[in-house]
mmCIF file of all heavy atoms, coordinates in Angstrom:
data_MODEL
# 
_entry.id   MODEL 
# 
loop_
_atom_site.group_PDB 
_atom_site.id 
_atom_site.type_symbol 
_atom_site.label_atom_id 
_atom_site.label_alt_id 
_atom_site.label_comp_id 
_atom_site.label_asym_id 
_atom_site.label_entity_id 
_atom_site.label_seq_id 
_atom_site.pdbx_PDB_ins_code 
_atom_site.Cartn_x 
_atom_site.Cartn_y 
_atom_site.Cartn_z 
_atom_site.occupancy 
_atom_site.B_iso_or_equiv 
_atom_site.pdbx_formal_charge 
_atom_site.auth_seq_id 
_atom_site.auth_comp_id 
_atom_site.auth_asym_id 
_atom_site.auth_atom_id 
_atom_site.pdbx_PDB_model_num 
ATOM 1   N N   . LYS A 1 1  ? -85.774  -55.024 -45.682 1.00 0.00 ? 1  LYS A N   1 
ATOM 2   C CA  . LYS A 1 1  ? -86.552  -56.176 -46.149 1.00 0.00 ? 1  LYS A CA  1 
ATOM 3   C C   . LYS A 1 1  ? -86.068  -57.486 -45.539 1.00 0.00 ? 1  LYS A C   1 
ATOM 4   O O   . LYS A 1 1  ? -86.861  -58.386 -45.294 1.00 0.00 ? 1  LYS A O   1 
ATOM 5   C CB  . LYS A 1 1  ? -86.424  -56.309 -47.685 1.00 0.00 ? 1  LYS A CB  1 
ATOM 6   C CG  . LYS A 1 1  ? -87.164  -55.258 -48.474 1.00 0.00 ? 1  LYS A CG  1 
ATOM 7   C CD  . LYS A 1 1  ? -86.921  -55.520 -49.959 1.00 0.00 ? 1  LYS A CD  1 
ATOM 8   C CE  . LYS A 1 1  ? -87.582  -54.466 -50.824 1.00 0.00 ? 1  LYS A CE  1 
ATOM 9   N NZ  . LYS A 1 1  ? -87.174  -54.620 -52.233 1.00 0.00 ? 1  LYS A NZ  1 
ATOM 10  N N   . LYS A 1 2  ? -84.741  -57.607 -45.322 1.00 0.00 ? 2  LYS A N   1 
ATOM 11  C CA  . LYS A 1 2  ? -84.192  -58.948 -45.035 1.00 0.00 ? 2  LYS A CA  1 
ATOM 12  C C   . LYS A 1 2  ? -83.322  -59.060 -43.792 1.00 0.00 ? 2  LYS A C   1 
ATOM 13  O O   . LYS A 1 2  ? -82.965  -60.173 -43.409 1.00 0.00 ? 2  LYS A O   1 
ATOM 14  C CB  . LYS A 1 2  ? -83.348  -59.416 -46.229 1.00 0.00 ? 2  LYS A CB  1 
ATOM 15  C CG  . LYS A 1 2  ? -84.102  -59.480 -47.528 1.00 0.00 ? 2  LYS A CG  1 
ATOM 16  C CD  . LYS A 1 2  ? -83.142  -59.779 -48.671 1.00 0.00 ? 2  LYS A CD  1 
ATOM 17  C CE  . LYS A 1 2  ? -83.728  -59.415 -50.011 1.00 0.00 ? 2  LYS A CE  1 
ATOM 18  N NZ  . LYS A 1 2  ? -82.711  -59.423 -51.066 1.00 0.00 ? 2  LYS A NZ  1 
ATOM 19  N N   . SER A 1 3  ? -82.953  -57.945 -43.178 1.00 0.00 ? 3  SER A N   1 
ATOM 20  C CA  . SER A 1 3  ? -82.057  -58.044 -42.027 1.00 0.00 ? 3  SER A CA  1 
ATOM 21  C C   . SER A 1 3  ? -82.674  -58.890 -40.922 1.00 0.00 ? 3  SER A C   1 
ATOM 22  O O   . SER A 1 3  ? -83.893  -58.898 -40.731 1.00 0.00 ? 3  SER A O   1 
ATOM 23  C CB  . SER A 1 3  ? -81.762  -56.644 -41.479 1.00 0.00 ? 3  SER A CB  1 
ATOM 24  O OG  . SER A 1 3  ? -81.189  -56.756 -40.191 1.00 0.00 ? 3  SER A OG  1 
ATOM 25  N N   . ARG A 1 4  ? -81.815  -59.576 -40.176 1.00 0.00 ? 4  ARG A N   1 
ATOM 26  C CA  . ARG A 1 4  ? -82.284  -60.368 -39.035 1.00 0.00 ? 4  ARG A CA  1 
ATOM 27  C C   . ARG A 1 4  ? -82.904  -59.472 -37.962 1.00 0.00 ? 4  ARG A C   1 
ATOM 28  O O   . ARG A 1 4  ? -83.680  -59.934 -37.129 1.00 0.00 ? 4  ARG A O   1 
ATOM 29  C CB  . ARG A 1 4  ? -81.125  -61.190 -38.461 1.00 0.00 ? 4  ARG A CB  1 
ATOM 30  C CG  . ARG A 1 4  ? -80.515  -62.112 -39.508 1.00 0.00 ? 4  ARG A CG  1 
ATOM 31  C CD  . ARG A 1 4  ? -79.593  -63.154 -38.911 1.00 0.00 ? 4  ARG A CD  1 
ATOM 32  N NE  . ARG A 1 4  ? -78.469  -62.595 -38.195 1.00 0.00 ? 4  ARG A NE  1 
ATOM 33  C CZ  . ARG A 1 4  ? -77.563  -63.327 -37.543 1.00 0.00 ? 4  ARG A CZ  1 
ATOM 34  N NH1 . ARG A 1 4  ? -77.674  -64.644 -37.505 1.00 0.00 ? 4  ARG A NH1 1 
ATOM 35  N NH2 . ARG A 1 4  ? -76.548  -62.767 -36.918 1.00 0.00 ? 4  ARG A NH2 1 
ATOM 36  N N   . ASP A 1 5  ? -82.571  -58.188 -37.988 1.00 0.00 ? 5  ASP A N   1 
ATOM 37  C CA  . ASP A 1 5  ? -83.151  -57.255 -37.014 1.00 0.00 ? 5  ASP A CA  1 
ATOM 38  C C   . ASP A 1 5  ? -84.677  -57.195 -37.103 1.00 0.00 ? 5  ASP A C   1 
ATOM 39  O O   . ASP A 1 5  ? -85.341  -56.898 -36.112 1.00 0.00 ? 5  ASP A O   1 
ATOM 40  C CB  . ASP A 1 5  ? -82.588  -55.836 -37.238 1.00 0.00 ? 5  ASP A CB  1 
ATOM 41  C CG  . ASP A 1 5  ? -81.125  -55.751 -36.861 1.00 0.00 ? 5  ASP A CG  1 
ATOM 42  O OD1 . ASP A 1 5  ? -80.787  -56.060 -35.710 1.00 0.00 ? 5  ASP A OD1 1 
ATOM 43  O OD2 . ASP A 1 5  ? -80.309  -55.374 -37.724 1.00 0.00 ? 5  ASP A OD2 1 
ATOM 44  N N   . ASN A 1 6  ? -85.221  -57.483 -38.279 1.00 0.00 ? 6  ASN A N   1 
ATOM 45  C CA  . ASN A 1 6  ? -86.684  -57.407 -38.448 1.00 0.00 ? 6  ASN A CA  1 
ATOM 46  C C   . ASN A 1 6  ? -87.429  -58.332 -37.497 1.00 0.00 ? 6  ASN A C   1 
ATOM 47  O O   . ASN A 1 6  ? -88.524  -58.015 -37.038 1.00 0.00 ? 6  ASN A O   1 
ATOM 48  C CB  . ASN A 1 6  ? -87.064  -57.741 -39.900 1.00 0.00 ? 6  ASN A CB  1 
ATOM 49  C CG  . ASN A 1 6  ? -86.713  -56.615 -40.847 1.00 0.00 ? 6  ASN A CG  1 
ATOM 50  O OD1 . ASN A 1 6  ? -87.182  -55.495 -40.677 1.00 0.00 ? 6  ASN A OD1 1 
ATOM 51  N ND2 . ASN A 1 6  ? -85.871  -56.890 -41.830 1.00 0.00 ? 6  ASN A ND2 1 
ATOM 52  N N   . GLY A 1 7  ? -86.829  -59.495 -37.220 1.00 0.00 ? 7  GLY A N   1 
ATOM 53  C CA  . GLY A 1 7  ? -87.472  -60.438 -36.319 1.00 0.00 ? 7  GLY A CA  1 
ATOM 54  C C   . GLY A 1 7  ? -87.043  -60.264 -34.867 1.00 0.00 ? 7  GLY A C   1 
ATOM 55  O O   . GLY A 1 7  ? -87.429  -61.051 -34.012 1.00 0.00 ? 7  GLY A O   1 
ATOM 56  N N   . ARG A 1 8  ? -86.239  -59.233 -34.597 1.00 0.00 ? 8  ARG A N   1 
ATOM 57  C CA  . ARG A 1 8  ? -85.642  -59.110 -33.268 1.00 0.00 ? 8  ARG A CA  1 
ATOM 58  C C   . ARG A 1 8  ? -86.095  -57.882 -32.486 1.00 0.00 ? 8  ARG A C   1 
ATOM 59  O O   . ARG A 1 8  ? -85.629  -57.659 -31.375 1.00 0.00 ? 8  ARG A O   1 
ATOM 60  C CB  . ARG A 1 8  ? -84.111  -59.107 -33.416 1.00 0.00 ? 8  ARG A CB  1 
ATOM 61  C CG  . ARG A 1 8  ? -83.604  -60.410 -33.998 1.00 0.00 ? 8  ARG A CG  1 
ATOM 62  C CD  . ARG A 1 8  ? -82.109  -60.452 -34.191 1.00 0.00 ? 8  ARG A CD  1 
ATOM 63  N NE  . ARG A 1 8  ? -81.685  -61.766 -34.688 1.00 0.00 ? 8  ARG A NE  1 
ATOM 64  C CZ  . ARG A 1 8  ? -80.434  -62.164 -34.778 1.00 0.00 ? 8  ARG A CZ  1 
ATOM 65  N NH1 . ARG A 1 8  ? -79.453  -61.356 -34.403 1.00 0.00 ? 8  ARG A NH1 1 
ATOM 66  N NH2 . ARG A 1 8  ? -80.125  -63.368 -35.235 1.00 0.00 ? 8  ARG A NH2 1 
ATOM 67  N N   . THR A 1 9  ? -86.986  -57.086 -33.076 1.00 0.00 ? 9  THR A N   1 
ATOM 68  C CA  . THR A 1 9  ? -87.493  -55.949 -32.300 1.00 0.00 ? 9  THR A CA  1 
ATOM 69  C C   . THR A 1 9  ? -88.306  -56.498 -31.122 1.00 0.00 ? 9  THR A C   1 
ATOM 70  O O   . THR A 1 9  ? -88.907  -57.568 -31.232 1.00 0.00 ? 9  THR A O   1 
ATOM 71  C CB  . THR A 1 9  ? -88.378  -55.023 -33.161 1.00 0.00 ? 9  THR A CB  1 
ATOM 72  O OG1 . THR A 1 9  ? -89.420  -55.809 -33.760 1.00 0.00 ? 9  THR A OG1 1 
ATOM 73  C CG2 . THR A 1 9  ? -87.577  -54.317 -34.240 1.00 0.00 ? 9  THR A CG2 1 
ATOM 74  N N   . PRO A 1 10 ? -88.326  -55.795 -29.992 1.00 0.00 ? 10 PRO A N   1 
ATOM 75  C CA  . PRO A 1 10 ? -89.028  -56.313 -28.817 1.00 0.00 ? 10 PRO A CA  1 
ATOM 76  C C   . PRO A 1 10 ? -90.500  -56.620 -29.092 1.00 0.00 ? 10 PRO A C   1 
ATOM 77  O O   . PRO A 1 10 ? -91.173  -55.927 -29.865 1.00 0.00 ? 10 PRO A O   1 
ATOM 78  C CB  . PRO A 1 10 ? -88.882  -55.178 -27.801 1.00 0.00 ? 10 PRO A CB  1 
ATOM 79  C CG  . PRO A 1 10 ? -87.576  -54.526 -28.170 1.00 0.00 ? 10 PRO A CG  1 
ATOM 80  C CD  . PRO A 1 10 ? -87.544  -54.570 -29.673 1.00 0.00 ? 10 PRO A CD  1 
ATOM 81  N N   . VAL A 1 11 ? -90.979  -57.680 -28.441 1.00 0.00 ? 11 VAL A N   1 
ATOM 82  C CA  . VAL A 1 11 ? -92.389  -58.071 -28.589 1.00 0.00 ? 11 VAL A CA  1 
ATOM 83  C C   . VAL A 1 11 ? -93.280  -56.939 -28.071 1.00 0.00 ? 11 VAL A C   1 
ATOM 84  O O   . VAL A 1 11 ? -92.992  -56.303 -27.051 1.00 0.00 ? 11 VAL A O   1 
ATOM 85  C CB  . VAL A 1 11 ? -92.673  -59.388 -27.836 1.00 0.00 ? 11 VAL A CB  1 
ATOM 86  C CG1 . VAL A 1 11 ? -94.177  -59.681 -27.805 1.00 0.00 ? 11 VAL A CG1 1 
ATOM 87  C CG2 . VAL A 1 11 ? -91.930  -60.542 -28.519 1.00 0.00 ? 11 VAL A CG2 1 
ATOM 88  N N   . GLN A 1 12 ? -94.346  -56.701 -28.808 1.00 0.00 ? 12 GLN A N   1 
ATOM 89  C CA  . GLN A 1 12 ? -95.244  -55.580 -28.522 1.00 0.00 ? 12 GLN A CA  1 
ATOM 90  C C   . GLN A 1 12 ? -96.387  -56.058 -27.613 1.00 0.00 ? 12 GLN A C   1 
ATOM 91  O O   . GLN A 1 12 ? -97.391  -56.573 -28.069 1.00 0.00 ? 12 GLN A O   1 
ATOM 92  C CB  . GLN A 1 12 ? -95.743  -55.008 -29.859 1.00 0.00 ? 12 GLN A CB  1 
ATOM 93  C CG  . GLN A 1 12 ? -94.585  -54.409 -30.657 1.00 0.00 ? 12 GLN A CG  1 
ATOM 94  C CD  . GLN A 1 12 ? -94.792  -54.231 -32.145 1.00 0.00 ? 12 GLN A CD  1 
ATOM 95  O OE1 . GLN A 1 12 ? -93.828  -54.241 -32.912 1.00 0.00 ? 12 GLN A OE1 1 
ATOM 96  N NE2 . GLN A 1 12 ? -96.031  -54.053 -32.570 1.00 0.00 ? 12 GLN A NE2 1 
ATOM 97  N N   . TRP A 1 13 ? -96.192  -55.852 -26.288 1.00 0.00 ? 13 TRP A N   1 
ATOM 98  C CA  . TRP A 1 13 ? -97.144  -56.384 -25.314 1.00 0.00 ? 13 TRP A CA  1 
ATOM 99  C C   . TRP A 1 13 ? -98.352  -55.484 -25.096 1.00 0.00 ? 13 TRP A C   1 
ATOM 100 O O   . TRP A 1 13 ? -99.443  -55.965 -24.827 1.00 0.00 ? 13 TRP A O   1 
ATOM 101 C CB  . TRP A 1 13 ? -96.431  -56.646 -23.971 1.00 0.00 ? 13 TRP A CB  1 
ATOM 102 C CG  . TRP A 1 13 ? -95.474  -57.788 -24.080 1.00 0.00 ? 13 TRP A CG  1 
ATOM 103 C CD1 . TRP A 1 13 ? -94.111  -57.741 -24.122 1.00 0.00 ? 13 TRP A CD1 1 
ATOM 104 C CD2 . TRP A 1 13 ? -95.817  -59.177 -24.205 1.00 0.00 ? 13 TRP A CD2 1 
ATOM 105 N NE1 . TRP A 1 13 ? -93.582  -58.995 -24.279 1.00 0.00 ? 13 TRP A NE1 1 
ATOM 106 C CE2 . TRP A 1 13 ? -94.610  -59.892 -24.322 1.00 0.00 ? 13 TRP A CE2 1 
ATOM 107 C CE3 . TRP A 1 13 ? -97.024  -59.878 -24.238 1.00 0.00 ? 13 TRP A CE3 1 
ATOM 108 C CZ2 . TRP A 1 13 ? -94.586  -61.285 -24.465 1.00 0.00 ? 13 TRP A CZ2 1 
ATOM 109 C CZ3 . TRP A 1 13 ? -96.998  -61.262 -24.374 1.00 0.00 ? 13 TRP A CZ3 1 
ATOM 110 C CH2 . TRP A 1 13 ? -95.792  -61.948 -24.484 1.00 0.00 ? 13 TRP A CH2 1 
ATOM 111 N N   . SER A 1 14 ? -98.134  -54.182 -25.183 1.00 0.00 ? 14 SER A N   1 
ATOM 112 C CA  . SER A 1 14 ? -99.253  -53.265 -24.915 1.00 0.00 ? 14 SER A CA  1 
ATOM 113 C C   . SER A 1 14 ? -98.959  -51.928 -25.574 1.00 0.00 ? 14 SER A C   1 
ATOM 114 O O   . SER A 1 14 ? -97.916  -51.753 -26.206 1.00 0.00 ? 14 SER A O   1 
ATOM 115 C CB  . SER A 1 14 ? -99.415  -53.072 -23.402 1.00 0.00 ? 14 SER A CB  1 
ATOM 116 O OG  . SER A 1 14 ? -98.338  -52.295 -22.901 1.00 0.00 ? 14 SER A OG  1 
ATOM 117 N N   . ASP A 1 15 ? -99.880  -50.950 -25.389 1.00 0.00 ? 15 ASP A N   1 
ATOM 118 C CA  . ASP A 1 15 ? -99.630  -49.620 -25.969 1.00 0.00 ? 15 ASP A CA  1 
ATOM 119 C C   . ASP A 1 15 ? -98.927  -48.704 -24.964 1.00 0.00 ? 15 ASP A C   1 
ATOM 120 O O   . ASP A 1 15 ? -98.810  -47.500 -25.184 1.00 0.00 ? 15 ASP A O   1 
ATOM 121 C CB  . ASP A 1 15 ? -100.930 -48.992 -26.480 1.00 0.00 ? 15 ASP A CB  1 
ATOM 122 C CG  . ASP A 1 15 ? -101.958 -48.801 -25.365 1.00 0.00 ? 15 ASP A CG  1 
ATOM 123 O OD1 . ASP A 1 15 ? -101.641 -49.115 -24.188 1.00 0.00 ? 15 ASP A OD1 1 
ATOM 124 O OD2 . ASP A 1 15 ? -103.073 -48.341 -25.664 1.00 0.00 ? 15 ASP A OD2 1 
ATOM 125 N N   . ALA A 1 16 ? -98.439  -49.292 -23.854 1.00 0.00 ? 16 ALA A N   1 
ATOM 126 C CA  . ALA A 1 16 ? -97.665  -48.509 -22.877 1.00 0.00 ? 16 ALA A CA  1 
ATOM 127 C C   . ALA A 1 16 ? -96.295  -48.170 -23.473 1.00 0.00 ? 16 ALA A C   1 
ATOM 128 O O   . ALA A 1 16 ? -95.892  -48.773 -24.466 1.00 0.00 ? 16 ALA A O   1 
ATOM 129 C CB  . ALA A 1 16 ? -97.492  -49.326 -21.596 1.00 0.00 ? 16 ALA A CB  1 
ATOM 130 N N   . PRO A 1 17 ? -95.569  -47.199 -22.889 1.00 0.00 ? 17 PRO A N   1 
ATOM 131 C CA  . PRO A 1 17 ? -94.234  -46.877 -23.406 1.00 0.00 ? 17 PRO A CA  1 
ATOM 132 C C   . PRO A 1 17 ? -93.373  -48.137 -23.533 1.00 0.00 ? 17 PRO A C   1 
ATOM 133 O O   . PRO A 1 17 ? -93.494  -49.059 -22.711 1.00 0.00 ? 17 PRO A O   1 
ATOM 134 C CB  . PRO A 1 17 ? -93.667  -45.926 -22.337 1.00 0.00 ? 17 PRO A CB  1 
ATOM 135 C CG  . PRO A 1 17 ? -94.874  -45.300 -21.713 1.00 0.00 ? 17 PRO A CG  1 
ATOM 136 C CD  . PRO A 1 17 ? -95.950  -46.337 -21.746 1.00 0.00 ? 17 PRO A CD  1 
ATOM 137 N N   . ASN A 1 18 ? -92.513  -48.169 -24.571 1.00 0.00 ? 18 ASN A N   1 
ATOM 138 C CA  . ASN A 1 18 ? -91.680  -49.343 -24.870 1.00 0.00 ? 18 ASN A CA  1 
ATOM 139 C C   . ASN A 1 18 ? -92.518  -50.598 -25.120 1.00 0.00 ? 18 ASN A C   1 
ATOM 140 O O   . ASN A 1 18 ? -92.059  -51.723 -24.948 1.00 0.00 ? 18 ASN A O   1 
ATOM 141 C CB  . ASN A 1 18 ? -90.672  -49.620 -23.747 1.00 0.00 ? 18 ASN A CB  1 
ATOM 142 C CG  . ASN A 1 18 ? -89.538  -48.598 -23.730 1.00 0.00 ? 18 ASN A CG  1 
ATOM 143 O OD1 . ASN A 1 18 ? -89.114  -48.137 -24.785 1.00 0.00 ? 18 ASN A OD1 1 
ATOM 144 N ND2 . ASN A 1 18 ? -89.089  -48.231 -22.547 1.00 0.00 ? 18 ASN A ND2 1 
ATOM 145 N N   . ALA A 1 19 ? -93.769  -50.403 -25.501 1.00 0.00 ? 19 ALA A N   1 
ATOM 146 C CA  . ALA A 1 19 ? -94.682  -51.507 -25.828 1.00 0.00 ? 19 ALA A CA  1 
ATOM 147 C C   . ALA A 1 19 ? -94.879  -52.473 -24.664 1.00 0.00 ? 19 ALA A C   1 
ATOM 148 O O   . ALA A 1 19 ? -95.246  -53.630 -24.864 1.00 0.00 ? 19 ALA A O   1 
ATOM 149 C CB  . ALA A 1 19 ? -94.189  -52.269 -27.067 1.00 0.00 ? 19 ALA A CB  1 
ATOM 150 N N   . GLY A 1 20 ? -94.604  -52.006 -23.439 1.00 0.00 ? 20 GLY A N   1 
ATOM 151 C CA  . GLY A 1 20 ? -94.767  -52.883 -22.282 1.00 0.00 ? 20 GLY A CA  1 
ATOM 152 C C   . GLY A 1 20 ? -93.709  -53.968 -22.202 1.00 0.00 ? 20 GLY A C   1 
ATOM 153 O O   . GLY A 1 20 ? -93.770  -54.845 -21.331 1.00 0.00 ? 20 GLY A O   1 
ATOM 154 N N   . PHE A 1 21 ? -92.710  -53.900 -23.094 1.00 0.00 ? 21 PHE A N   1 
ATOM 155 C CA  . PHE A 1 21 ? -91.621  -54.893 -23.087 1.00 0.00 ? 21 PHE A CA  1 
ATOM 156 C C   . PHE A 1 21 ? -90.718  -54.695 -21.872 1.00 0.00 ? 21 PHE A C   1 
ATOM 157 O O   . PHE A 1 21 ? -90.264  -55.641 -21.241 1.00 0.00 ? 21 PHE A O   1 
ATOM 158 C CB  . PHE A 1 21 ? -90.817  -54.771 -24.397 1.00 0.00 ? 21 PHE A CB  1 
ATOM 159 C CG  . PHE A 1 21 ? -89.429  -55.378 -24.335 1.00 0.00 ? 21 PHE A CG  1 
ATOM 160 C CD1 . PHE A 1 21 ? -89.270  -56.752 -24.324 1.00 0.00 ? 21 PHE A CD1 1 
ATOM 161 C CD2 . PHE A 1 21 ? -88.291  -54.567 -24.283 1.00 0.00 ? 21 PHE A CD2 1 
ATOM 162 C CE1 . PHE A 1 21 ? -87.989  -57.309 -24.258 1.00 0.00 ? 21 PHE A CE1 1 
ATOM 163 C CE2 . PHE A 1 21 ? -87.019  -55.116 -24.215 1.00 0.00 ? 21 PHE A CE2 1 
ATOM 164 C CZ  . PHE A 1 21 ? -86.873  -56.494 -24.207 1.00 0.00 ? 21 PHE A CZ  1 
ATOM 165 N N   . THR A 1 22 ? -90.462  -53.434 -21.542 1.00 0.00 ? 22 THR A N   1 
ATOM 166 C CA  . THR A 1 22 ? -89.624  -53.085 -20.396 1.00 0.00 ? 22 THR A CA  1 
ATOM 167 C C   . THR A 1 22 ? -90.224  -51.839 -19.748 1.00 0.00 ? 22 THR A C   1 
ATOM 168 O O   . THR A 1 22 ? -91.231  -51.319 -20.218 1.00 0.00 ? 22 THR A O   1 
ATOM 169 C CB  . THR A 1 22 ? -88.155  -52.860 -20.841 1.00 0.00 ? 22 THR A CB  1 
ATOM 170 O OG1 . THR A 1 22 ? -87.338  -52.690 -19.685 1.00 0.00 ? 22 THR A OG1 1 
ATOM 171 C CG2 . THR A 1 22 ? -87.996  -51.640 -21.748 1.00 0.00 ? 22 THR A CG2 1 
ATOM 172 N N   . GLY A 1 23 ? -89.611  -51.364 -18.662 1.00 0.00 ? 23 GLY A N   1 
ATOM 173 C CA  . GLY A 1 23 ? -90.151  -50.207 -17.944 1.00 0.00 ? 23 GLY A CA  1 
ATOM 174 C C   . GLY A 1 23 ? -90.195  -48.955 -18.797 1.00 0.00 ? 23 GLY A C   1 
ATOM 175 O O   . GLY A 1 23 ? -89.448  -48.819 -19.776 1.00 0.00 ? 23 GLY A O   1 
ATOM 176 N N   . PRO A 1 24 ? -91.066  -48.003 -18.429 1.00 0.00 ? 24 PRO A N   1 
ATOM 177 C CA  . PRO A 1 24 ? -91.265  -46.800 -19.253 1.00 0.00 ? 24 PRO A CA  1 
ATOM 178 C C   . PRO A 1 24 ? -90.040  -45.895 -19.333 1.00 0.00 ? 24 PRO A C   1 
ATOM 179 O O   . PRO A 1 24 ? -89.866  -45.170 -20.305 1.00 0.00 ? 24 PRO A O   1 
ATOM 180 C CB  . PRO A 1 24 ? -92.427  -46.073 -18.550 1.00 0.00 ? 24 PRO A CB  1 
ATOM 181 C CG  . PRO A 1 24 ? -92.500  -46.658 -17.177 1.00 0.00 ? 24 PRO A CG  1 
ATOM 182 C CD  . PRO A 1 24 ? -91.973  -48.054 -17.265 1.00 0.00 ? 24 PRO A CD  1 
# 
């Protein structure tokens, strides 16, 4: 509910592997 990790997951750019944040 409250960990700082909640706001730190990689931004979700697309439906590609790793959400398009980095290479597949």
